[in-house]
């Protein structure tokens, strides 16, 4: 079923909430890990981040096939432009965050695993088993910078998206939020 102005498909809704809630959770966990040097949580963060890539790609593929949903009502040009920019930031960010995380970890020599299932082994210095040797420092650094910058952009975009949803629901009363919760307009 394709999205219509009056109702979104169950696939659109499921992918939106799975990706949205997971990315919000990973952003919160990432900020916590960074602030508290909580190294024990990195494997969980990386594992969930790698799993979400499949859902993100499914969401992007579905969006390409299905197109963008029609707005529930008419808006000013500035509102329409703001919504487009925020939605594109969210779509690009949901791809860039996990991909840059994989690049950062893999190229940094830290390996890639999903809850213990090793996809790429850590590159441990045989002379010092406590030291990880980057496979490519430049790519690892690029992945780190992208991950950090896109993470901060995503936080702003998510807040704007949330505020926009509240505006639609409380002020406009146009059914946009109801539609994303599986209801018809």
N, C-alpha and C. Protein backbone atom coordinates (compact mmCIF):
# COMPACT_ATOMS: atom_id res chain seq x y z
N UNK A 1 0.85 -1.18 0.00
CA UNK A 1 0.00 0.00 0.00
C UNK A 1 0.89 1.24 0.00
N UNK A 2 0.55 2.17 -0.85
CA UNK A 2 1.31 3.41 -0.93
C UNK A 2 0.70 4.45 0.02
N UNK A 3 1.54 5.40 0.36
CA UNK A 3 1.07 6.52 1.19
C UNK A 3 0.10 7.37 0.40
N UNK A 4 -0.90 7.88 1.08
CA UNK A 4 -1.82 8.84 0.46
C UNK A 4 -1.84 10.08 1.35
N UNK A 5 -2.53 11.10 0.88
CA UNK A 5 -2.67 12.31 1.68
C UNK A 5 -3.40 12.01 2.99
N UNK A 6 -4.27 11.01 2.97
CA UNK A 6 -5.13 10.73 4.11
C UNK A 6 -4.60 9.63 5.04
N UNK A 7 -3.74 8.75 4.51
CA UNK A 7 -3.25 7.64 5.33
C UNK A 7 -1.88 7.20 4.85
N UNK A 8 -0.98 6.93 5.81
CA UNK A 8 0.35 6.43 5.49
C UNK A 8 0.33 4.90 5.59
N UNK A 9 1.16 4.26 4.79
CA UNK A 9 1.22 2.80 4.83
C UNK A 9 1.82 2.32 6.14
N UNK A 10 1.48 1.11 6.51
CA UNK A 10 2.03 0.56 7.75
C UNK A 10 3.55 0.39 7.65
N UNK A 11 4.09 0.17 6.45
CA UNK A 11 5.54 0.07 6.28
C UNK A 11 6.21 1.42 6.52
N UNK A 12 5.63 2.48 5.99
CA UNK A 12 6.16 3.83 6.22
C UNK A 12 6.19 4.14 7.71
N UNK A 13 5.09 3.85 8.38
CA UNK A 13 4.98 4.14 9.81
C UNK A 13 5.98 3.30 10.61
N UNK A 14 6.04 2.01 10.33
CA UNK A 14 6.96 1.13 11.07
C UNK A 14 8.41 1.56 10.88
N UNK A 15 8.81 1.81 9.65
CA UNK A 15 10.20 2.21 9.40
C UNK A 15 10.51 3.56 10.05
N UNK A 16 9.56 4.49 10.01
CA UNK A 16 9.76 5.80 10.64
C UNK A 16 10.06 5.64 12.13
N UNK A 17 9.21 4.87 12.83
CA UNK A 17 9.36 4.75 14.27
C UNK A 17 10.55 3.88 14.66
N UNK A 18 10.80 2.81 13.94
CA UNK A 18 11.97 1.97 14.25
C UNK A 18 13.26 2.77 14.09
N UNK A 19 13.40 3.43 12.94
CA UNK A 19 14.62 4.21 12.69
C UNK A 19 14.68 5.40 13.64
N UNK A 20 13.57 6.12 13.80
CA UNK A 20 13.57 7.32 14.63
C UNK A 20 13.92 7.04 16.08
N UNK A 21 13.24 6.09 16.68
CA UNK A 21 13.49 5.78 18.09
C UNK A 21 14.90 5.23 18.28
N UNK A 22 15.34 4.39 17.36
CA UNK A 22 16.69 3.81 17.48
C UNK A 22 17.76 4.88 17.35
N UNK A 23 17.62 5.78 16.37
CA UNK A 23 18.62 6.84 16.19
C UNK A 23 18.63 7.77 17.40
N UNK A 24 17.46 8.12 17.92
CA UNK A 24 17.41 8.97 19.13
C UNK A 24 18.11 8.26 20.29
N UNK A 25 17.83 6.98 20.46
CA UNK A 25 18.48 6.21 21.52
C UNK A 25 19.99 6.15 21.35
N UNK A 26 20.45 5.93 20.11
CA UNK A 26 21.89 5.86 19.85
C UNK A 26 22.56 7.22 20.04
N UNK A 27 21.88 8.30 19.67
CA UNK A 27 22.43 9.63 19.91
C UNK A 27 22.57 9.89 21.41
N UNK A 28 21.55 9.55 22.17
CA UNK A 28 21.61 9.73 23.62
C UNK A 28 22.71 8.87 24.23
N UNK A 29 22.79 7.63 23.80
CA UNK A 29 23.82 6.73 24.31
C UNK A 29 25.21 7.23 23.91
N UNK A 30 25.35 7.70 22.66
CA UNK A 30 26.64 8.24 22.21
C UNK A 30 27.08 9.44 23.01
N UNK A 31 26.17 10.35 23.30
CA UNK A 31 26.50 11.53 24.11
C UNK A 31 26.89 11.11 25.53
N UNK A 32 26.16 10.14 26.08
CA UNK A 32 26.48 9.64 27.41
C UNK A 32 27.87 9.00 27.43
N UNK A 33 28.14 8.15 26.44
CA UNK A 33 29.45 7.47 26.38
C UNK A 33 30.58 8.48 26.27
N UNK A 34 30.38 9.47 25.43
CA UNK A 34 31.40 10.49 25.21
C UNK A 34 31.65 11.30 26.49
N UNK A 35 30.60 11.69 27.16
CA UNK A 35 30.72 12.51 28.36
C UNK A 35 31.30 11.76 29.55
N UNK A 36 31.02 10.47 29.62
CA UNK A 36 31.38 9.68 30.80
C UNK A 36 32.46 8.64 30.54
N UNK A 37 33.03 8.67 29.35
CA UNK A 37 34.04 7.67 28.96
C UNK A 37 33.56 6.26 29.30
N UNK A 38 32.33 5.97 28.92
CA UNK A 38 31.69 4.69 29.22
C UNK A 38 32.04 3.67 28.14
N UNK A 39 33.27 3.21 28.16
CA UNK A 39 33.78 2.33 27.11
C UNK A 39 33.04 0.99 27.05
N UNK A 40 32.50 0.54 28.14
CA UNK A 40 31.79 -0.73 28.17
C UNK A 40 30.54 -0.71 27.29
N UNK A 41 30.02 0.49 26.99
CA UNK A 41 28.80 0.60 26.18
C UNK A 41 29.07 0.69 24.68
N UNK A 42 30.31 0.84 24.29
CA UNK A 42 30.64 1.02 22.88
C UNK A 42 30.19 -0.17 22.03
N UNK A 43 30.39 -1.41 22.51
CA UNK A 43 29.99 -2.57 21.71
C UNK A 43 28.48 -2.59 21.47
N UNK A 44 27.71 -2.21 22.48
CA UNK A 44 26.25 -2.15 22.32
C UNK A 44 25.89 -1.07 21.30
N UNK A 45 26.48 0.11 21.45
CA UNK A 45 26.23 1.23 20.54
C UNK A 45 26.57 0.83 19.10
N UNK A 46 27.74 0.23 18.91
CA UNK A 46 28.17 -0.15 17.56
C UNK A 46 27.29 -1.26 16.99
N UNK A 47 26.91 -2.23 17.82
CA UNK A 47 26.08 -3.33 17.34
C UNK A 47 24.71 -2.84 16.86
N UNK A 48 24.07 -2.03 17.68
CA UNK A 48 22.76 -1.49 17.29
C UNK A 48 22.90 -0.58 16.08
N UNK A 49 23.97 0.21 16.04
CA UNK A 49 24.22 1.08 14.88
C UNK A 49 24.38 0.30 13.60
N UNK A 50 25.04 -0.85 13.66
CA UNK A 50 25.20 -1.66 12.44
C UNK A 50 23.89 -2.33 12.04
N UNK A 51 23.11 -2.74 13.01
CA UNK A 51 21.81 -3.36 12.69
C UNK A 51 20.88 -2.34 12.06
N UNK A 52 20.89 -1.12 12.58
CA UNK A 52 19.94 -0.12 12.08
C UNK A 52 20.21 0.25 10.62
N UNK A 53 21.43 0.00 10.15
CA UNK A 53 21.73 0.29 8.74
C UNK A 53 20.74 -0.41 7.81
N UNK A 54 20.38 -1.65 8.12
CA UNK A 54 19.43 -2.38 7.27
C UNK A 54 18.07 -1.67 7.24
N UNK A 55 17.60 -1.21 8.39
CA UNK A 55 16.32 -0.51 8.45
C UNK A 55 16.39 0.85 7.77
N UNK A 56 17.51 1.53 7.93
CA UNK A 56 17.71 2.84 7.28
C UNK A 56 17.67 2.67 5.76
N UNK A 57 18.40 1.68 5.26
CA UNK A 57 18.41 1.47 3.81
C UNK A 57 17.03 1.06 3.30
N UNK A 58 16.32 0.25 4.07
CA UNK A 58 14.94 -0.11 3.69
C UNK A 58 14.07 1.13 3.66
N UNK A 59 14.24 2.00 4.63
CA UNK A 59 13.44 3.24 4.69
C UNK A 59 13.74 4.15 3.50
N UNK A 60 15.01 4.31 3.18
CA UNK A 60 15.40 5.14 2.04
C UNK A 60 14.87 4.52 0.74
N UNK A 61 15.03 3.22 0.58
CA UNK A 61 14.54 2.54 -0.62
C UNK A 61 13.03 2.69 -0.74
N UNK A 62 12.31 2.51 0.39
CA UNK A 62 10.86 2.66 0.38
C UNK A 62 10.45 4.10 0.04
N UNK A 63 11.21 5.07 0.55
CA UNK A 63 10.90 6.47 0.28
C UNK A 63 11.08 6.76 -1.21
N UNK A 64 12.13 6.19 -1.82
CA UNK A 64 12.37 6.38 -3.25
C UNK A 64 11.24 5.76 -4.06
N UNK A 65 10.82 4.55 -3.71
CA UNK A 65 9.73 3.87 -4.42
C UNK A 65 8.38 4.56 -4.20
N UNK A 66 8.14 4.97 -2.98
CA UNK A 66 6.84 5.48 -2.57
C UNK A 66 6.70 6.99 -2.75
N UNK A 67 7.83 7.70 -2.77
CA UNK A 67 7.79 9.16 -2.83
C UNK A 67 7.52 9.75 -1.46
N UNK A 68 7.62 11.05 -1.37
CA UNK A 68 7.35 11.75 -0.11
C UNK A 68 5.85 11.89 0.09
N UNK A 69 5.38 11.73 1.31
CA UNK A 69 3.95 11.89 1.56
C UNK A 69 3.50 13.33 1.29
N UNK A 70 2.30 13.45 0.80
CA UNK A 70 1.72 14.78 0.62
C UNK A 70 1.47 15.41 1.98
N UNK A 71 1.66 16.73 2.09
CA UNK A 71 1.33 17.39 3.35
C UNK A 71 -0.17 17.22 3.65
N UNK A 72 -0.49 17.14 4.92
CA UNK A 72 -1.88 16.96 5.33
C UNK A 72 -2.72 18.20 5.03
N UNK A 73 -2.10 19.37 4.95
CA UNK A 73 -2.80 20.60 4.59
C UNK A 73 -1.80 21.57 3.97
N UNK A 74 -2.30 22.72 3.56
CA UNK A 74 -1.43 23.71 2.90
C UNK A 74 -0.66 24.53 3.94
N UNK A 75 0.57 24.85 3.59
CA UNK A 75 1.44 25.62 4.48
C UNK A 75 2.09 26.74 3.70
N UNK A 76 2.66 27.68 4.44
CA UNK A 76 3.38 28.77 3.80
C UNK A 76 4.64 28.22 3.15
N UNK A 77 5.22 29.00 2.24
CA UNK A 77 6.44 28.58 1.56
C UNK A 77 7.58 28.34 2.54
N UNK A 78 7.69 29.17 3.56
CA UNK A 78 8.78 29.01 4.53
C UNK A 78 8.59 27.74 5.35
N UNK A 79 7.36 27.42 5.72
CA UNK A 79 7.10 26.17 6.45
C UNK A 79 7.42 24.97 5.58
N UNK A 80 7.02 25.04 4.32
CA UNK A 80 7.26 23.94 3.38
C UNK A 80 8.77 23.75 3.18
N UNK A 81 9.51 24.84 3.00
CA UNK A 81 10.96 24.77 2.82
C UNK A 81 11.64 24.22 4.08
N UNK A 82 11.22 24.71 5.24
CA UNK A 82 11.80 24.24 6.51
C UNK A 82 11.55 22.73 6.68
N UNK A 83 10.35 22.30 6.39
CA UNK A 83 10.02 20.87 6.51
C UNK A 83 10.89 20.04 5.56
N UNK A 84 11.06 20.51 4.34
CA UNK A 84 11.90 19.77 3.37
C UNK A 84 13.34 19.68 3.85
N UNK A 85 13.89 20.79 4.32
CA UNK A 85 15.28 20.81 4.79
C UNK A 85 15.44 19.86 5.98
N UNK A 86 14.52 19.92 6.92
CA UNK A 86 14.61 19.06 8.11
C UNK A 86 14.46 17.60 7.72
N UNK A 87 13.51 17.28 6.85
CA UNK A 87 13.33 15.89 6.43
C UNK A 87 14.56 15.37 5.69
N UNK A 88 15.13 16.17 4.80
CA UNK A 88 16.34 15.74 4.10
C UNK A 88 17.51 15.58 5.05
N UNK A 89 17.63 16.47 6.03
CA UNK A 89 18.69 16.33 7.04
C UNK A 89 18.52 15.02 7.80
N UNK A 90 17.29 14.68 8.14
CA UNK A 90 17.03 13.43 8.85
C UNK A 90 17.34 12.21 7.99
N UNK A 91 16.92 12.24 6.74
CA UNK A 91 17.17 11.10 5.86
C UNK A 91 18.67 10.91 5.62
N UNK A 92 19.35 12.00 5.26
CA UNK A 92 20.80 11.91 5.02
C UNK A 92 21.53 11.54 6.31
N UNK A 93 21.11 12.13 7.42
CA UNK A 93 21.75 11.85 8.70
C UNK A 93 21.58 10.41 9.15
N UNK A 94 20.41 9.82 8.90
CA UNK A 94 20.21 8.43 9.31
C UNK A 94 21.08 7.47 8.51
N UNK A 95 21.50 7.88 7.32
CA UNK A 95 22.44 7.08 6.53
C UNK A 95 23.87 7.39 6.98
N UNK A 96 24.19 8.67 7.10
CA UNK A 96 25.57 9.09 7.39
C UNK A 96 26.05 8.67 8.77
N UNK A 97 25.17 8.70 9.77
CA UNK A 97 25.59 8.34 11.14
C UNK A 97 26.10 6.91 11.25
N UNK A 98 25.31 5.90 10.87
CA UNK A 98 25.83 4.54 11.02
C UNK A 98 26.99 4.23 10.07
N UNK A 99 26.94 4.77 8.85
CA UNK A 99 28.03 4.51 7.91
C UNK A 99 29.33 5.13 8.41
N UNK A 100 29.26 6.35 8.92
CA UNK A 100 30.48 6.99 9.45
C UNK A 100 30.97 6.27 10.70
N UNK A 101 30.06 5.73 11.49
CA UNK A 101 30.46 4.96 12.66
C UNK A 101 31.20 3.69 12.26
N UNK A 102 30.71 3.01 11.24
CA UNK A 102 31.38 1.81 10.72
C UNK A 102 32.76 2.19 10.19
N UNK A 103 32.84 3.28 9.45
CA UNK A 103 34.12 3.75 8.91
C UNK A 103 35.10 4.07 10.03
N UNK A 104 34.63 4.80 11.03
CA UNK A 104 35.46 5.19 12.16
C UNK A 104 36.00 3.96 12.89
N UNK A 105 35.12 3.01 13.19
CA UNK A 105 35.53 1.84 13.95
C UNK A 105 36.38 0.89 13.12
N UNK A 106 35.93 0.59 11.91
CA UNK A 106 36.66 -0.34 11.06
C UNK A 106 38.04 0.18 10.67
N UNK A 107 38.08 1.39 10.13
CA UNK A 107 39.36 1.98 9.72
C UNK A 107 40.24 2.29 10.91
N UNK A 108 39.63 2.52 12.06
CA UNK A 108 40.39 2.81 13.28
C UNK A 108 41.02 1.57 13.90
N UNK A 109 40.75 0.40 13.31
CA UNK A 109 41.34 -0.82 13.82
C UNK A 109 40.56 -1.47 14.96
N UNK A 110 39.42 -0.89 15.31
CA UNK A 110 38.64 -1.40 16.44
C UNK A 110 37.73 -2.57 16.06
N UNK A 111 37.72 -2.90 14.79
CA UNK A 111 36.92 -4.02 14.33
C UNK A 111 35.44 -3.70 14.25
N UNK A 112 34.70 -4.66 13.73
CA UNK A 112 33.25 -4.53 13.59
C UNK A 112 32.62 -5.83 14.05
N UNK A 113 31.68 -5.73 14.94
CA UNK A 113 30.97 -6.90 15.43
C UNK A 113 29.54 -6.50 15.77
N UNK A 114 28.65 -7.47 15.67
CA UNK A 114 27.26 -7.27 16.06
C UNK A 114 27.00 -8.23 17.21
N UNK A 115 26.95 -7.68 18.41
CA UNK A 115 26.73 -8.45 19.63
C UNK A 115 27.61 -9.70 19.66
N UNK A 116 28.90 -9.49 19.42
CA UNK A 116 29.89 -10.56 19.51
C UNK A 116 30.15 -11.31 18.21
N UNK A 117 29.28 -11.16 17.23
CA UNK A 117 29.49 -11.81 15.94
C UNK A 117 30.47 -10.94 15.16
N UNK A 118 31.70 -11.40 15.06
CA UNK A 118 32.78 -10.60 14.50
C UNK A 118 32.72 -10.56 12.97
N UNK A 119 32.66 -9.35 12.43
CA UNK A 119 32.67 -9.15 10.99
C UNK A 119 34.05 -8.71 10.52
N UNK A 120 34.74 -7.95 11.35
CA UNK A 120 36.10 -7.49 11.08
C UNK A 120 36.83 -7.46 12.41
N UNK A 121 37.91 -8.23 12.49
CA UNK A 121 38.64 -8.35 13.76
C UNK A 121 39.34 -7.04 14.11
N UNK A 122 39.54 -6.84 15.41
CA UNK A 122 40.35 -5.71 15.86
C UNK A 122 41.77 -5.91 15.35
N UNK A 123 42.44 -4.80 15.09
CA UNK A 123 43.83 -4.84 14.62
C UNK A 123 44.74 -4.53 15.81
N UNK A 124 45.04 -5.58 16.57
CA UNK A 124 45.79 -5.44 17.82
C UNK A 124 47.30 -5.53 17.52
N UNK A 125 48.04 -4.65 18.14
CA UNK A 125 49.50 -4.67 18.05
C UNK A 125 50.01 -5.95 18.73
N UNK A 126 50.70 -6.84 17.98
CA UNK A 126 51.18 -8.09 18.60
C UNK A 126 52.21 -7.87 19.70
N UNK A 127 52.87 -6.71 19.69
CA UNK A 127 53.87 -6.42 20.72
C UNK A 127 53.27 -5.77 21.96
N UNK A 128 52.05 -5.26 21.81
CA UNK A 128 51.37 -4.61 22.93
C UNK A 128 49.88 -4.90 22.78
N UNK A 129 49.41 -5.92 23.42
CA UNK A 129 48.03 -6.39 23.23
C UNK A 129 46.97 -5.40 23.71
N UNK A 130 47.40 -4.31 24.33
CA UNK A 130 46.48 -3.27 24.79
C UNK A 130 46.29 -2.19 23.73
N UNK A 131 47.08 -2.23 22.66
CA UNK A 131 47.06 -1.15 21.67
C UNK A 131 46.42 -1.61 20.36
N UNK A 132 45.52 -0.79 19.87
CA UNK A 132 44.86 -1.04 18.59
C UNK A 132 45.59 -0.22 17.53
N UNK A 133 45.87 -0.85 16.39
CA UNK A 133 46.56 -0.16 15.29
C UNK A 133 45.52 0.19 14.23
N UNK A 134 45.36 1.47 13.91
CA UNK A 134 44.41 1.85 12.86
C UNK A 134 44.79 1.22 11.52
N UNK A 135 43.77 0.84 10.76
CA UNK A 135 44.01 0.35 9.41
C UNK A 135 44.27 1.52 8.48
N UNK A 136 43.59 2.63 8.75
CA UNK A 136 43.76 3.84 7.95
C UNK A 136 43.36 5.03 8.83
N UNK A 137 44.36 5.74 9.35
CA UNK A 137 44.09 6.85 10.28
C UNK A 137 43.26 7.95 9.63
N UNK A 138 43.53 8.23 8.35
CA UNK A 138 42.81 9.30 7.65
C UNK A 138 41.32 8.97 7.55
N UNK A 139 41.00 7.74 7.12
CA UNK A 139 39.59 7.34 7.01
C UNK A 139 38.92 7.26 8.38
N UNK A 140 39.66 6.76 9.36
CA UNK A 140 39.11 6.70 10.72
C UNK A 140 38.81 8.10 11.24
N UNK A 141 39.72 9.04 11.00
CA UNK A 141 39.52 10.43 11.43
C UNK A 141 38.35 11.07 10.70
N UNK A 142 38.24 10.79 9.39
CA UNK A 142 37.12 11.32 8.61
C UNK A 142 35.80 10.77 9.14
N UNK A 143 35.77 9.45 9.40
CA UNK A 143 34.57 8.84 9.97
C UNK A 143 34.20 9.46 11.30
N UNK A 144 35.20 9.72 12.13
CA UNK A 144 34.96 10.33 13.45
C UNK A 144 34.37 11.72 13.31
N UNK A 145 34.96 12.54 12.44
CA UNK A 145 34.47 13.91 12.24
C UNK A 145 33.04 13.92 11.70
N UNK A 146 32.77 13.08 10.70
CA UNK A 146 31.42 13.00 10.13
C UNK A 146 30.44 12.55 11.21
N UNK A 147 30.82 11.54 11.97
CA UNK A 147 29.95 11.00 13.01
C UNK A 147 29.59 12.08 14.03
N UNK A 148 30.57 12.84 14.44
CA UNK A 148 30.34 13.90 15.44
C UNK A 148 29.50 15.04 14.88
N UNK A 149 29.86 15.53 13.70
CA UNK A 149 29.14 16.67 13.10
C UNK A 149 27.71 16.28 12.76
N UNK A 150 27.55 15.14 12.10
CA UNK A 150 26.20 14.70 11.71
C UNK A 150 25.37 14.40 12.96
N UNK A 151 25.98 13.86 14.00
CA UNK A 151 25.26 13.61 15.24
C UNK A 151 24.67 14.89 15.81
N UNK A 152 25.47 15.95 15.83
CA UNK A 152 24.97 17.24 16.33
C UNK A 152 23.89 17.83 15.43
N UNK A 153 24.06 17.70 14.12
CA UNK A 153 23.03 18.18 13.18
C UNK A 153 21.74 17.39 13.39
N UNK A 154 21.88 16.08 13.60
CA UNK A 154 20.70 15.24 13.80
C UNK A 154 19.93 15.64 15.06
N UNK A 155 20.64 15.97 16.10
CA UNK A 155 19.95 16.40 17.33
C UNK A 155 19.10 17.63 17.05
N UNK A 156 19.66 18.59 16.33
CA UNK A 156 18.91 19.80 15.98
C UNK A 156 17.73 19.45 15.08
N UNK A 157 17.96 18.61 14.07
CA UNK A 157 16.89 18.24 13.14
C UNK A 157 15.78 17.48 13.86
N UNK A 158 16.14 16.60 14.78
CA UNK A 158 15.12 15.84 15.52
C UNK A 158 14.29 16.77 16.40
N UNK A 159 14.92 17.71 17.05
CA UNK A 159 14.18 18.68 17.87
C UNK A 159 13.22 19.48 16.98
N UNK A 160 13.70 19.96 15.83
CA UNK A 160 12.84 20.70 14.91
C UNK A 160 11.69 19.83 14.40
N UNK A 161 11.99 18.58 14.09
CA UNK A 161 10.98 17.64 13.62
C UNK A 161 9.91 17.42 14.70
N UNK A 162 10.34 17.25 15.93
CA UNK A 162 9.43 17.07 17.06
C UNK A 162 8.56 18.31 17.27
N UNK A 163 9.19 19.49 17.23
CA UNK A 163 8.44 20.74 17.39
C UNK A 163 7.44 20.92 16.25
N UNK A 164 7.86 20.56 15.03
CA UNK A 164 6.96 20.64 13.88
C UNK A 164 5.76 19.72 14.05
N UNK A 165 6.01 18.51 14.55
CA UNK A 165 4.91 17.56 14.79
C UNK A 165 3.94 18.11 15.83
N UNK A 166 4.49 18.70 16.89
CA UNK A 166 3.63 19.31 17.90
C UNK A 166 2.82 20.47 17.33
N UNK A 167 3.46 21.31 16.51
CA UNK A 167 2.76 22.44 15.87
C UNK A 167 1.59 21.91 15.03
N UNK A 168 1.87 20.88 14.21
CA UNK A 168 0.81 20.31 13.38
C UNK A 168 -0.34 19.79 14.24
N UNK A 169 0.00 19.17 15.35
CA UNK A 169 -1.02 18.53 16.17
C UNK A 169 -1.80 19.53 17.04
N UNK A 170 -1.07 20.44 17.68
CA UNK A 170 -1.70 21.34 18.66
C UNK A 170 -2.25 22.60 18.02
N UNK A 171 -1.48 23.21 17.13
CA UNK A 171 -1.89 24.50 16.55
C UNK A 171 -2.71 24.29 15.28
N UNK A 172 -2.13 23.55 14.31
CA UNK A 172 -2.80 23.37 13.01
C UNK A 172 -3.96 22.38 13.10
N UNK A 173 -3.86 21.40 14.00
CA UNK A 173 -4.87 20.35 14.14
C UNK A 173 -5.20 19.72 12.78
N UNK A 174 -4.12 19.44 12.01
CA UNK A 174 -4.33 18.97 10.64
C UNK A 174 -4.23 17.46 10.46
N UNK A 175 -3.95 16.72 11.51
CA UNK A 175 -3.92 15.27 11.41
C UNK A 175 -2.57 14.68 11.01
N UNK A 176 -1.55 15.51 10.85
CA UNK A 176 -0.23 14.99 10.45
C UNK A 176 0.27 13.96 11.45
N UNK A 177 0.20 14.26 12.72
CA UNK A 177 0.68 13.33 13.73
C UNK A 177 -0.22 12.09 13.80
N UNK A 178 -1.51 12.29 13.69
CA UNK A 178 -2.43 11.15 13.68
C UNK A 178 -2.09 10.20 12.53
N UNK A 179 -1.76 10.77 11.40
CA UNK A 179 -1.40 9.96 10.23
C UNK A 179 -0.15 9.12 10.51
N UNK A 180 0.85 9.71 11.21
CA UNK A 180 2.08 8.99 11.53
C UNK A 180 1.86 7.95 12.63
N UNK A 181 0.73 8.04 13.30
CA UNK A 181 0.37 7.05 14.31
C UNK A 181 -0.58 5.99 13.75
N UNK A 182 -0.77 6.00 12.41
CA UNK A 182 -1.56 4.99 11.75
C UNK A 182 -3.02 5.29 11.58
N UNK A 183 -3.43 6.48 11.95
CA UNK A 183 -4.84 6.88 11.83
C UNK A 183 -5.06 7.56 10.48
N UNK A 184 -6.29 7.63 10.05
CA UNK A 184 -6.65 8.35 8.83
C UNK A 184 -6.97 9.79 9.16
N UNK A 185 -6.82 10.66 8.17
CA UNK A 185 -7.19 12.07 8.37
C UNK A 185 -8.69 12.22 8.43
